[in-house]
Amino acid sequence: AVRVGRAIAVALADAGVDVAVHYHRSAAAARRTAHEIAARGVRAVVL
């Protein structure tokens, strides 16, 4: 959802990978990251 993990999730989406974004406390940030991923045309889920 945040920091380095977010950058990794977005980079994988840029490579055409569907991504499940795990979070513990950062629910709002996880949703924002998932929105960024979905904007790249791949699937994004928040767990």
ModelCIF file with pLDDT and N, C-alpha, C, O atoms, coordinates in Angstrom:
data_MODEL
#
_entry.id   MODEL 
#
_entity.id                         1 
_entity.type                       polymer 
_entity.pdbx_number_of_molecules   1 
#
_entity_poly.entity_id                      1 
_entity_poly.type                           'polypeptide(L)' 
_entity_poly.nstd_linkage                   no 
_entity_poly.nstd_monomer                   no 
_entity_poly.pdbx_seq_one_letter_code       AVRVGRAIAVALADAGVDVAVHYHRSAAAARRTAHEIAARGVRAVVL 
_entity_poly.pdbx_seq_one_letter_code_can   AVRVGRAIAVALADAGVDVAVHYHRSAAAARRTAHEIAARGVRAVVL 
_entity_poly.pdbx_strand_id                 A 
#
loop_
_entity_poly_seq.entity_id 
_entity_poly_seq.num 
_entity_poly_seq.mon_id 
_entity_poly_seq.hetero 
1 1  ALA n 
1 2  VAL n 
1 3  ARG n 
1 4  VAL n 
1 5  GLY n 
1 6  ARG n 
1 7  ALA n 
1 8  ILE n 
1 9  ALA n 
1 10 VAL n 
1 11 ALA n 
1 12 LEU n 
1 13 ALA n 
1 14 ASP n 
1 15 ALA n 
1 16 GLY n 
1 17 VAL n 
1 18 ASP n 
1 19 VAL n 
1 20 ALA n 
1 21 VAL n 
1 22 HIS n 
1 23 TYR n 
1 24 HIS n 
1 25 ARG n 
1 26 SER n 
1 27 ALA n 
1 28 ALA n 
1 29 ALA n 
1 30 ALA n 
1 31 ARG n 
1 32 ARG n 
1 33 THR n 
1 34 ALA n 
1 35 HIS n 
1 36 GLU n 
1 37 ILE n 
1 38 ALA n 
1 39 ALA n 
1 40 ARG n 
1 41 GLY n 
1 42 VAL n 
1 43 ARG n 
1 44 ALA n 
1 45 VAL n 
1 46 VAL n 
1 47 LEU n 
#
_struct_asym.id          A 
_struct_asym.entity_id   1 
#
loop_
_ma_qa_metric.id 
_ma_qa_metric.mode 
_ma_qa_metric.name 
_ma_qa_metric.software_group_id 
_ma_qa_metric.type 
1 global pLDDT . pLDDT 
2 local  pLDDT . pLDDT 
#
_ma_qa_metric_global.metric_id      1 
_ma_qa_metric_global.metric_value   97.38 
_ma_qa_metric_global.model_id       1 
_ma_qa_metric_global.ordinal_id     1 
#
loop_
_ma_qa_metric_local.label_asym_id 
_ma_qa_metric_local.label_comp_id 
_ma_qa_metric_local.label_seq_id 
_ma_qa_metric_local.metric_id 
_ma_qa_metric_local.metric_value 
_ma_qa_metric_local.model_id 
_ma_qa_metric_local.ordinal_id 
A ALA 1  2 97.00 1 1  
A VAL 2  2 95.00 1 2  
A ARG 3  2 93.00 1 3  
A VAL 4  2 95.00 1 4  
A GLY 5  2 97.00 1 5  
A ARG 6  2 97.00 1 6  
A ALA 7  2 97.00 1 7  
A ILE 8  2 98.00 1 8  
A ALA 9  2 98.00 1 9  
A VAL 10 2 98.00 1 10 
A ALA 11 2 98.00 1 11 
A LEU 12 2 98.00 1 12 
A ALA 13 2 98.00 1 13 
A ASP 14 2 97.00 1 14 
A ALA 15 2 97.00 1 15 
A GLY 16 2 97.00 1 16 
A VAL 17 2 98.00 1 17 
A ASP 18 2 98.00 1 18 
A VAL 19 2 98.00 1 19 
A ALA 20 2 98.00 1 20 
A VAL 21 2 98.00 1 21 
A HIS 22 2 98.00 1 22 
A TYR 23 2 98.00 1 23 
A HIS 24 2 97.00 1 24 
A ARG 25 2 94.00 1 25 
A SER 26 2 96.00 1 26 
A ALA 27 2 97.00 1 27 
A ALA 28 2 98.00 1 28 
A ALA 29 2 98.00 1 29 
A ALA 30 2 98.00 1 30 
A ARG 31 2 98.00 1 31 
A ARG 32 2 98.00 1 32 
A THR 33 2 98.00 1 33 
A ALA 34 2 98.00 1 34 
A HIS 35 2 98.00 1 35 
A GLU 36 2 98.00 1 36 
A ILE 37 2 98.00 1 37 
A ALA 38 2 98.00 1 38 
A ALA 39 2 97.00 1 39 
A ARG 40 2 97.00 1 40 
A GLY 41 2 97.00 1 41 
A VAL 42 2 98.00 1 42 
A ARG 43 2 98.00 1 43 
A ALA 44 2 98.00 1 44 
A VAL 45 2 98.00 1 45 
A VAL 46 2 98.00 1 46 
A LEU 47 2 98.00 1 47 
#
loop_
_atom_site.group_PDB 
_atom_site.id 
_atom_site.type_symbol 
_atom_site.label_atom_id 
_atom_site.label_alt_id 
_atom_site.label_comp_id 
_atom_site.label_asym_id 
_atom_site.label_entity_id 
_atom_site.label_seq_id 
_atom_site.pdbx_PDB_ins_code 
_atom_site.Cartn_x 
_atom_site.Cartn_y 
_atom_site.Cartn_z 
_atom_site.occupancy 
_atom_site.B_iso_or_equiv 
_atom_site.pdbx_formal_charge 
_atom_site.auth_seq_id 
_atom_site.auth_comp_id 
_atom_site.auth_asym_id 
_atom_site.auth_atom_id 
_atom_site.pdbx_PDB_model_num 
ATOM 1   N N  . ALA A 1 1  ? 0.806  -1.223 0.000   1.00 97.00 ? 1  ALA A N  1 
ATOM 2   C CA . ALA A 1 1  ? 0.000  0.000  0.000   1.00 97.00 ? 1  ALA A CA 1 
ATOM 3   C C  . ALA A 1 1  ? 0.836  1.269  0.000   1.00 97.00 ? 1  ALA A C  1 
ATOM 4   O O  . ALA A 1 1  ? 0.433  2.276  -0.582  1.00 97.00 ? 1  ALA A O  1 
ATOM 5   N N  . VAL A 1 2  ? 2.000  1.233  0.648   1.00 95.00 ? 2  VAL A N  1 
ATOM 6   C CA . VAL A 1 2  ? 2.745  2.468  0.869   1.00 95.00 ? 2  VAL A CA 1 
ATOM 7   C C  . VAL A 1 2  ? 4.234  2.267  0.604   1.00 95.00 ? 2  VAL A C  1 
ATOM 8   O O  . VAL A 1 2  ? 4.726  1.141  0.527   1.00 95.00 ? 2  VAL A O  1 
ATOM 9   N N  . ARG A 1 3  ? 4.932  3.386  0.467   1.00 93.00 ? 3  ARG A N  1 
ATOM 10  C CA . ARG A 1 3  ? 6.377  3.444  0.392   1.00 93.00 ? 3  ARG A CA 1 
ATOM 11  C C  . ARG A 1 3  ? 6.930  2.503  -0.685  1.00 93.00 ? 3  ARG A C  1 
ATOM 12  O O  . ARG A 1 3  ? 6.430  2.504  -1.810  1.00 93.00 ? 3  ARG A O  1 
ATOM 13  N N  . VAL A 1 4  ? 7.928  1.720  -0.369  1.00 95.00 ? 4  VAL A N  1 
ATOM 14  C CA . VAL A 1 4  ? 8.557  0.863  -1.373  1.00 95.00 ? 4  VAL A CA 1 
ATOM 15  C C  . VAL A 1 4  ? 7.581  -0.176 -1.907  1.00 95.00 ? 4  VAL A C  1 
ATOM 16  O O  . VAL A 1 4  ? 7.581  -0.465 -3.103  1.00 95.00 ? 4  VAL A O  1 
ATOM 17  N N  . GLY A 1 5  ? 6.751  -0.741 -1.038  1.00 97.00 ? 5  GLY A N  1 
ATOM 18  C CA . GLY A 1 5  ? 5.775  -1.730 -1.484  1.00 97.00 ? 5  GLY A CA 1 
ATOM 19  C C  . GLY A 1 5  ? 4.838  -1.174 -2.535  1.00 97.00 ? 5  GLY A C  1 
ATOM 20  O O  . GLY A 1 5  ? 4.514  -1.861 -3.504  1.00 97.00 ? 5  GLY A O  1 
ATOM 21  N N  . ARG A 1 6  ? 4.401  0.062  -2.355  1.00 97.00 ? 6  ARG A N  1 
ATOM 22  C CA . ARG A 1 6  ? 3.538  0.704  -3.351  1.00 97.00 ? 6  ARG A CA 1 
ATOM 23  C C  . ARG A 1 6  ? 4.254  0.835  -4.685  1.00 97.00 ? 6  ARG A C  1 
ATOM 24  O O  . ARG A 1 6  ? 3.679  0.539  -5.733  1.00 97.00 ? 6  ARG A O  1 
ATOM 25  N N  . ALA A 1 7  ? 5.516  1.281  -4.653  1.00 97.00 ? 7  ALA A N  1 
ATOM 26  C CA . ALA A 1 7  ? 6.278  1.434  -5.895  1.00 97.00 ? 7  ALA A CA 1 
ATOM 27  C C  . ALA A 1 7  ? 6.405  0.100  -6.621  1.00 97.00 ? 7  ALA A C  1 
ATOM 28  O O  . ALA A 1 7  ? 6.326  0.046  -7.848  1.00 97.00 ? 7  ALA A O  1 
ATOM 29  N N  . ILE A 1 8  ? 6.602  -0.972 -5.865  1.00 98.00 ? 8  ILE A N  1 
ATOM 30  C CA . ILE A 1 8  ? 6.709  -2.304 -6.463  1.00 98.00 ? 8  ILE A CA 1 
ATOM 31  C C  . ILE A 1 8  ? 5.386  -2.698 -7.118  1.00 98.00 ? 8  ILE A C  1 
ATOM 32  O O  . ILE A 1 8  ? 5.369  -3.171 -8.255  1.00 98.00 ? 8  ILE A O  1 
ATOM 33  N N  . ALA A 1 9  ? 4.286  -2.504 -6.407  1.00 98.00 ? 9  ALA A N  1 
ATOM 34  C CA . ALA A 1 9  ? 2.977  -2.873 -6.942  1.00 98.00 ? 9  ALA A CA 1 
ATOM 35  C C  . ALA A 1 9  ? 2.674  -2.121 -8.234  1.00 98.00 ? 9  ALA A C  1 
ATOM 36  O O  . ALA A 1 9  ? 2.177  -2.708 -9.194  1.00 98.00 ? 9  ALA A O  1 
ATOM 37  N N  . VAL A 1 10 ? 2.972  -0.828 -8.260  1.00 98.00 ? 10 VAL A N  1 
ATOM 38  C CA . VAL A 1 10 ? 2.699  -0.017 -9.446  1.00 98.00 ? 10 VAL A CA 1 
ATOM 39  C C  . VAL A 1 10 ? 3.617  -0.415 -10.599 1.00 98.00 ? 10 VAL A C  1 
ATOM 40  O O  . VAL A 1 10 ? 3.185  -0.461 -11.751 1.00 98.00 ? 10 VAL A O  1 
ATOM 41  N N  . ALA A 1 11 ? 4.878  -0.703 -10.294 1.00 98.00 ? 11 ALA A N  1 
ATOM 42  C CA . ALA A 1 11 ? 5.811  -1.115 -11.344 1.00 98.00 ? 11 ALA A CA 1 
ATOM 43  C C  . ALA A 1 11 ? 5.389  -2.433 -11.979 1.00 98.00 ? 11 ALA A C  1 
ATOM 44  O O  . ALA A 1 11 ? 5.495  -2.598 -13.195 1.00 98.00 ? 11 ALA A O  1 
ATOM 45  N N  . LEU A 1 12 ? 4.915  -3.366 -11.171 1.00 98.00 ? 12 LEU A N  1 
ATOM 46  C CA . LEU A 1 12 ? 4.423  -4.629 -11.727 1.00 98.00 ? 12 LEU A CA 1 
ATOM 47  C C  . LEU A 1 12 ? 3.205  -4.386 -12.615 1.00 98.00 ? 12 LEU A C  1 
ATOM 48  O O  . LEU A 1 12 ? 3.059  -5.021 -13.659 1.00 98.00 ? 12 LEU A O  1 
ATOM 49  N N  . ALA A 1 13 ? 2.336  -3.474 -12.204 1.00 98.00 ? 13 ALA A N  1 
ATOM 50  C CA . ALA A 1 13 ? 1.191  -3.129 -13.043 1.00 98.00 ? 13 ALA A CA 1 
ATOM 51  C C  . ALA A 1 13 ? 1.651  -2.535 -14.367 1.00 98.00 ? 13 ALA A C  1 
ATOM 52  O O  . ALA A 1 13 ? 1.077  -2.828 -15.416 1.00 98.00 ? 13 ALA A O  1 
ATOM 53  N N  . ASP A 1 14 ? 2.681  -1.703 -14.321 1.00 97.00 ? 14 ASP A N  1 
ATOM 54  C CA . ASP A 1 14 ? 3.227  -1.148 -15.556 1.00 97.00 ? 14 ASP A CA 1 
ATOM 55  C C  . ASP A 1 14 ? 3.754  -2.238 -16.484 1.00 97.00 ? 14 ASP A C  1 
ATOM 56  O O  . ASP A 1 14 ? 3.786  -2.065 -17.703 1.00 97.00 ? 14 ASP A O  1 
ATOM 57  N N  . ALA A 1 15 ? 4.167  -3.364 -15.895 1.00 97.00 ? 15 ALA A N  1 
ATOM 58  C CA . ALA A 1 15 ? 4.654  -4.497 -16.687 1.00 97.00 ? 15 ALA A CA 1 
ATOM 59  C C  . ALA A 1 15 ? 3.523  -5.412 -17.144 1.00 97.00 ? 15 ALA A C  1 
ATOM 60  O O  . ALA A 1 15 ? 3.775  -6.472 -17.718 1.00 97.00 ? 15 ALA A O  1 
ATOM 61  N N  . GLY A 1 16 ? 2.271  -5.009 -16.891 1.00 97.00 ? 16 GLY A N  1 
ATOM 62  C CA . GLY A 1 16 ? 1.131  -5.787 -17.357 1.00 97.00 ? 16 GLY A CA 1 
ATOM 63  C C  . GLY A 1 16 ? 0.669  -6.882 -16.416 1.00 97.00 ? 16 GLY A C  1 
ATOM 64  O O  . GLY A 1 16 ? -0.017 -7.815 -16.833 1.00 97.00 ? 16 GLY A O  1 
ATOM 65  N N  . VAL A 1 17 ? 1.045  -6.772 -15.132 1.00 98.00 ? 17 VAL A N  1 
ATOM 66  C CA . VAL A 1 17 ? 0.722  -7.802 -14.143 1.00 98.00 ? 17 VAL A CA 1 
ATOM 67  C C  . VAL A 1 17 ? -0.499 -7.378 -13.326 1.00 98.00 ? 17 VAL A C  1 
ATOM 68  O O  . VAL A 1 17 ? -0.583 -6.231 -12.885 1.00 98.00 ? 17 VAL A O  1 
ATOM 69  N N  . ASP A 1 18 ? -1.440 -8.293 -13.125 1.00 98.00 ? 18 ASP A N  1 
ATOM 70  C CA . ASP A 1 18 ? -2.526 -8.053 -12.176 1.00 98.00 ? 18 ASP A CA 1 
ATOM 71  C C  . ASP A 1 18 ? -1.948 -8.123 -10.762 1.00 98.00 ? 18 ASP A C  1 
ATOM 72  O O  . ASP A 1 18 ? -1.088 -8.960 -10.488 1.00 98.00 ? 18 ASP A O  1 
ATOM 73  N N  . VAL A 1 19 ? -2.413 -7.249 -9.860  1.00 98.00 ? 19 VAL A N  1 
ATOM 74  C CA . VAL A 1 19 ? -1.767 -7.134 -8.554  1.00 98.00 ? 19 VAL A CA 1 
ATOM 75  C C  . VAL A 1 19 ? -2.781 -7.157 -7.416  1.00 98.00 ? 19 VAL A C  1 
ATOM 76  O O  . VAL A 1 19 ? -3.779 -6.438 -7.434  1.00 98.00 ? 19 VAL A O  1 
ATOM 77  N N  . ALA A 1 20 ? -2.498 -8.008 -6.420  1.00 98.00 ? 20 ALA A N  1 
ATOM 78  C CA . ALA A 1 20 ? -3.208 -7.974 -5.144  1.00 98.00 ? 20 ALA A CA 1 
ATOM 79  C C  . ALA A 1 20 ? -2.351 -7.170 -4.168  1.00 98.00 ? 20 ALA A C  1 
ATOM 80  O O  . ALA A 1 20 ? -1.209 -7.536 -3.890  1.00 98.00 ? 20 ALA A O  1 
ATOM 81  N N  . VAL A 1 21 ? -2.898 -6.092 -3.657  1.00 98.00 ? 21 VAL A N  1 
ATOM 82  C CA . VAL A 1 21 ? -2.197 -5.187 -2.753  1.00 98.00 ? 21 VAL A CA 1 
ATOM 83  C C  . VAL A 1 21 ? -2.567 -5.549 -1.316  1.00 98.00 ? 21 VAL A C  1 
ATOM 84  O O  . VAL A 1 21 ? -3.709 -5.365 -0.894  1.00 98.00 ? 21 VAL A O  1 
ATOM 85  N N  . HIS A 1 22 ? -1.600 -6.060 -0.578  1.00 98.00 ? 22 HIS A N  1 
ATOM 86  C CA . HIS A 1 22 ? -1.850 -6.377 0.826   1.00 98.00 ? 22 HIS A CA 1 
ATOM 87  C C  . HIS A 1 22 ? -1.555 -5.161 1.693   1.00 98.00 ? 22 HIS A C  1 
ATOM 88  O O  . HIS A 1 22 ? -0.641 -4.387 1.410   1.00 98.00 ? 22 HIS A O  1 
ATOM 89  N N  . TYR A 1 23 ? -2.345 -5.005 2.757   1.00 98.00 ? 23 TYR A N  1 
ATOM 90  C CA . TYR A 1 23 ? -2.078 -3.957 3.745   1.00 98.00 ? 23 TYR A CA 1 
ATOM 91  C C  . TYR A 1 23 ? -2.472 -4.478 5.121   1.00 98.00 ? 23 TYR A C  1 
ATOM 92  O O  . TYR A 1 23 ? -3.215 -5.451 5.253   1.00 98.00 ? 23 TYR A O  1 
ATOM 93  N N  . HIS A 1 24 ? -1.949 -3.796 6.145   1.00 97.00 ? 24 HIS A N  1 
ATOM 94  C CA . HIS A 1 24 ? -2.348 -4.087 7.515   1.00 97.00 ? 24 HIS A CA 1 
ATOM 95  C C  . HIS A 1 24 ? -3.156 -2.920 8.072   1.00 97.00 ? 24 HIS A C  1 
ATOM 96  O O  . HIS A 1 24 ? -4.334 -3.074 8.395   1.00 97.00 ? 24 HIS A O  1 
ATOM 97  N N  . ARG A 1 25 ? -2.518 -1.746 8.183   1.00 94.00 ? 25 ARG A N  1 
ATOM 98  C CA . ARG A 1 25 ? -3.213 -0.587 8.743   1.00 94.00 ? 25 ARG A CA 1 
ATOM 99  C C  . ARG A 1 25 ? -3.546 0.483  7.702   1.00 94.00 ? 25 ARG A C  1 
ATOM 100 O O  . ARG A 1 25 ? -4.377 1.349  7.973   1.00 94.00 ? 25 ARG A O  1 
ATOM 101 N N  . SER A 1 26 ? -2.936 0.452  6.543   1.00 96.00 ? 26 SER A N  1 
ATOM 102 C CA . SER A 1 26 ? -3.045 1.550  5.570   1.00 96.00 ? 26 SER A CA 1 
ATOM 103 C C  . SER A 1 26 ? -4.156 1.289  4.563   1.00 96.00 ? 26 SER A C  1 
ATOM 104 O O  . SER A 1 26 ? -3.893 1.143  3.369   1.00 96.00 ? 26 SER A O  1 
ATOM 105 N N  . ALA A 1 27 ? -5.398 1.229  5.038   1.00 97.00 ? 27 ALA A N  1 
ATOM 106 C CA . ALA A 1 27 ? -6.522 0.895  4.159   1.00 97.00 ? 27 ALA A CA 1 
ATOM 107 C C  . ALA A 1 27 ? -6.723 1.944  3.071   1.00 97.00 ? 27 ALA A C  1 
ATOM 108 O O  . ALA A 1 27 ? -6.874 1.599  1.899   1.00 97.00 ? 27 ALA A O  1 
ATOM 109 N N  . ALA A 1 28 ? -6.727 3.214  3.446   1.00 98.00 ? 28 ALA A N  1 
ATOM 110 C CA . ALA A 1 28 ? -6.957 4.268  2.455   1.00 98.00 ? 28 ALA A CA 1 
ATOM 111 C C  . ALA A 1 28 ? -5.843 4.296  1.425   1.00 98.00 ? 28 ALA A C  1 
ATOM 112 O O  . ALA A 1 28 ? -6.100 4.453  0.231   1.00 98.00 ? 28 ALA A O  1 
ATOM 113 N N  . ALA A 1 29 ? -4.607 4.144  1.880   1.00 98.00 ? 29 ALA A N  1 
ATOM 114 C CA . ALA A 1 29 ? -3.474 4.131  0.951   1.00 98.00 ? 29 ALA A CA 1 
ATOM 115 C C  . ALA A 1 29 ? -3.549 2.926  0.025   1.00 98.00 ? 29 ALA A C  1 
ATOM 116 O O  . ALA A 1 29 ? -3.205 3.027  -1.153  1.00 98.00 ? 29 ALA A O  1 
ATOM 117 N N  . ALA A 1 30 ? -3.992 1.791  0.543   1.00 98.00 ? 30 ALA A N  1 
ATOM 118 C CA . ALA A 1 30 ? -4.125 0.600  -0.297  1.00 98.00 ? 30 ALA A CA 1 
ATOM 119 C C  . ALA A 1 30 ? -5.149 0.825  -1.401  1.00 98.00 ? 30 ALA A C  1 
ATOM 120 O O  . ALA A 1 30 ? -4.943 0.406  -2.539  1.00 98.00 ? 30 ALA A O  1 
ATOM 121 N N  . ARG A 1 31 ? -6.245 1.482  -1.067  1.00 98.00 ? 31 ARG A N  1 
ATOM 122 C CA . ARG A 1 31 ? -7.259 1.775  -2.093  1.00 98.00 ? 31 ARG A CA 1 
ATOM 123 C C  . ARG A 1 31 ? -6.705 2.725  -3.144  1.00 98.00 ? 31 ARG A C  1 
ATOM 124 O O  . ARG A 1 31 ? -6.986 2.566  -4.331  1.00 98.00 ? 31 ARG A O  1 
ATOM 125 N N  . ARG A 1 32 ? -5.917 3.714  -2.718  1.00 98.00 ? 32 ARG A N  1 
ATOM 126 C CA . ARG A 1 32 ? -5.322 4.639  -3.693  1.00 98.00 ? 32 ARG A CA 1 
ATOM 127 C C  . ARG A 1 32 ? -4.348 3.911  -4.610  1.00 98.00 ? 32 ARG A C  1 
ATOM 128 O O  . ARG A 1 32 ? -4.321 4.147  -5.818  1.00 98.00 ? 32 ARG A O  1 
ATOM 129 N N  . THR A 1 33 ? -3.549 3.024  -4.022  1.00 98.00 ? 33 THR A N  1 
ATOM 130 C CA . THR A 1 33 ? -2.605 2.255  -4.833  1.00 98.00 ? 33 THR A CA 1 
ATOM 131 C C  . THR A 1 33 ? -3.344 1.374  -5.825  1.00 98.00 ? 33 THR A C  1 
ATOM 132 O O  . THR A 1 33 ? -2.948 1.283  -6.987  1.00 98.00 ? 33 THR A O  1 
ATOM 133 N N  . ALA A 1 34 ? -4.409 0.725  -5.382  1.00 98.00 ? 34 ALA A N  1 
ATOM 134 C CA . ALA A 1 34 ? -5.195 -0.114 -6.277  1.00 98.00 ? 34 ALA A CA 1 
ATOM 135 C C  . ALA A 1 34 ? -5.793 0.703  -7.413  1.00 98.00 ? 34 ALA A C  1 
ATOM 136 O O  . ALA A 1 34 ? -5.886 0.225  -8.544  1.00 98.00 ? 34 ALA A O  1 
ATOM 137 N N  . HIS A 1 35 ? -6.198 1.927  -7.116  1.00 98.00 ? 35 HIS A N  1 
ATOM 138 C CA . HIS A 1 35 ? -6.735 2.804  -8.165  1.00 98.00 ? 35 HIS A CA 1 
ATOM 139 C C  . HIS A 1 35 ? -5.654 3.122  -9.198  1.00 98.00 ? 35 HIS A C  1 
ATOM 140 O O  . HIS A 1 35 ? -5.922 3.126  -10.399 1.00 98.00 ? 35 HIS A O  1 
ATOM 141 N N  . GLU A 1 36 ? -4.433 3.389  -8.730  1.00 98.00 ? 36 GLU A N  1 
ATOM 142 C CA . GLU A 1 36 ? -3.329 3.643  -9.661  1.00 98.00 ? 36 GLU A CA 1 
ATOM 143 C C  . GLU A 1 36 ? -3.065 2.421  -10.542 1.00 98.00 ? 36 GLU A C  1 
ATOM 144 O O  . GLU A 1 36 ? -2.805 2.552  -11.738 1.00 98.00 ? 36 GLU A O  1 
ATOM 145 N N  . ILE A 1 37 ? -3.133 1.260  -9.950  1.00 98.00 ? 37 ILE A N  1 
ATOM 146 C CA . ILE A 1 37 ? -2.878 0.018  -10.701 1.00 98.00 ? 37 ILE A CA 1 
ATOM 147 C C  . ILE A 1 37 ? -3.961 -0.191 -11.749 1.00 98.00 ? 37 ILE A C  1 
ATOM 148 O O  . ILE A 1 37 ? -3.658 -0.490 -12.904 1.00 98.00 ? 37 ILE A O  1 
ATOM 149 N N  . ALA A 1 38 ? -5.226 -0.037 -11.352 1.00 98.00 ? 38 ALA A N  1 
ATOM 150 C CA . ALA A 1 38 ? -6.333 -0.245 -12.284 1.00 98.00 ? 38 ALA A CA 1 
ATOM 151 C C  . ALA A 1 38 ? -6.281 0.736  -13.448 1.00 98.00 ? 38 ALA A C  1 
ATOM 152 O O  . ALA A 1 38 ? -6.693 0.407  -14.561 1.00 98.00 ? 38 ALA A O  1 
ATOM 153 N N  . ALA A 1 39 ? -5.777 1.934  -13.194 1.00 97.00 ? 39 ALA A N  1 
ATOM 154 C CA . ALA A 1 39 ? -5.659 2.933  -14.258 1.00 97.00 ? 39 ALA A CA 1 
ATOM 155 C C  . ALA A 1 39 ? -4.692 2.494  -15.347 1.00 97.00 ? 39 ALA A C  1 
ATOM 156 O O  . ALA A 1 39 ? -4.698 3.056  -16.442 1.00 97.00 ? 39 ALA A O  1 
ATOM 157 N N  . ARG A 1 40 ? -3.868 1.504  -15.063 1.00 97.00 ? 40 ARG A N  1 
ATOM 158 C CA . ARG A 1 40 ? -2.907 0.983  -16.044 1.00 97.00 ? 40 ARG A CA 1 
ATOM 159 C C  . ARG A 1 40 ? -3.496 -0.166 -16.869 1.00 97.00 ? 40 ARG A C  1 
ATOM 160 O O  . ARG A 1 40 ? -2.798 -0.774 -17.680 1.00 97.00 ? 40 ARG A O  1 
ATOM 161 N N  . GLY A 1 41 ? -4.763 -0.455 -16.660 1.00 97.00 ? 41 GLY A N  1 
ATOM 162 C CA . GLY A 1 41 ? -5.436 -1.439 -17.486 1.00 97.00 ? 41 GLY A CA 1 
ATOM 163 C C  . GLY A 1 41 ? -5.314 -2.873 -17.015 1.00 97.00 ? 41 GLY A C  1 
ATOM 164 O O  . GLY A 1 41 ? -5.624 -3.799 -17.765 1.00 97.00 ? 41 GLY A O  1 
ATOM 165 N N  . VAL A 1 42 ? -4.866 -3.073 -15.779 1.00 98.00 ? 42 VAL A N  1 
ATOM 166 C CA . VAL A 1 42 ? -4.791 -4.424 -15.223 1.00 98.00 ? 42 VAL A CA 1 
ATOM 167 C C  . VAL A 1 42 ? -5.687 -4.494 -13.990 1.00 98.00 ? 42 VAL A C  1 
ATOM 168 O O  . VAL A 1 42 ? -6.188 -3.476 -13.515 1.00 98.00 ? 42 VAL A O  1 
ATOM 169 N N  . ARG A 1 43 ? -5.881 -5.707 -13.481 1.00 98.00 ? 43 ARG A N  1 
ATOM 170 C CA . ARG A 1 43 ? -6.727 -5.878 -12.309 1.00 98.00 ? 43 ARG A CA 1 
ATOM 171 C C  . ARG A 1 43 ? -5.985 -5.510 -11.032 1.00 98.00 ? 43 ARG A C  1 
ATOM 172 O O  . ARG A 1 43 ? -4.775 -5.707 -10.920 1.00 98.00 ? 43 ARG A O  1 
ATOM 173 N N  . ALA A 1 44 ? -6.725 -4.976 -10.080 1.00 98.00 ? 44 ALA A N  1 
ATOM 174 C CA . ALA A 1 44 ? -6.167 -4.642 -8.771  1.00 98.00 ? 44 ALA A CA 1 
ATOM 175 C C  . ALA A 1 44 ? -7.168 -5.031 -7.702  1.00 98.00 ? 44 ALA A C  1 
ATOM 176 O O  . ALA A 1 44 ? -8.355 -4.722 -7.809  1.00 98.00 ? 44 ALA A O  1 
ATOM 177 N N  . VAL A 1 45 ? -6.688 -5.709 -6.669  1.00 98.00 ? 45 VAL A N  1 
ATOM 178 C CA . VAL A 1 45 ? -7.525 -6.040 -5.525  1.00 98.00 ? 45 VAL A CA 1 
ATOM 179 C C  . VAL A 1 45 ? -6.779 -5.636 -4.261  1.00 98.00 ? 45 VAL A C  1 
ATOM 180 O O  . VAL A 1 45 ? -5.549 -5.589 -4.236  1.00 98.00 ? 45 VAL A O  1 
ATOM 181 N N  . VAL A 1 46 ? -7.538 -5.347 -3.222  1.00 98.00 ? 46 VAL A N  1 
ATOM 182 C CA . VAL A 1 46 ? -6.981 -4.928 -1.941  1.00 98.00 ? 46 VAL A CA 1 
ATOM 183 C C  . VAL A 1 46 ? -7.309 -5.997 -0.909  1.00 98.00 ? 46 VAL A C  1 
ATOM 184 O O  . VAL A 1 46 ? -8.462 -6.402 -0.766  1.00 98.00 ? 46 VAL A O  1 
ATOM 185 N N  . LEU A 1 47 ? -6.275 -6.454 -0.186  1.00 98.00 ? 47 LEU A N  1 
ATOM 186 C CA . LEU A 1 47 ? -6.455 -7.525 0.791   1.00 98.00 ? 47 LEU A CA 1 
ATOM 187 C C  . LEU A 1 47 ? -5.849 -7.136 2.128   1.00 98.00 ? 47 LEU A C  1 
ATOM 188 O O  . LEU A 1 47 ? -5.903 -7.915 3.080   1.00 98.00 ? 47 LEU A O  1 
#
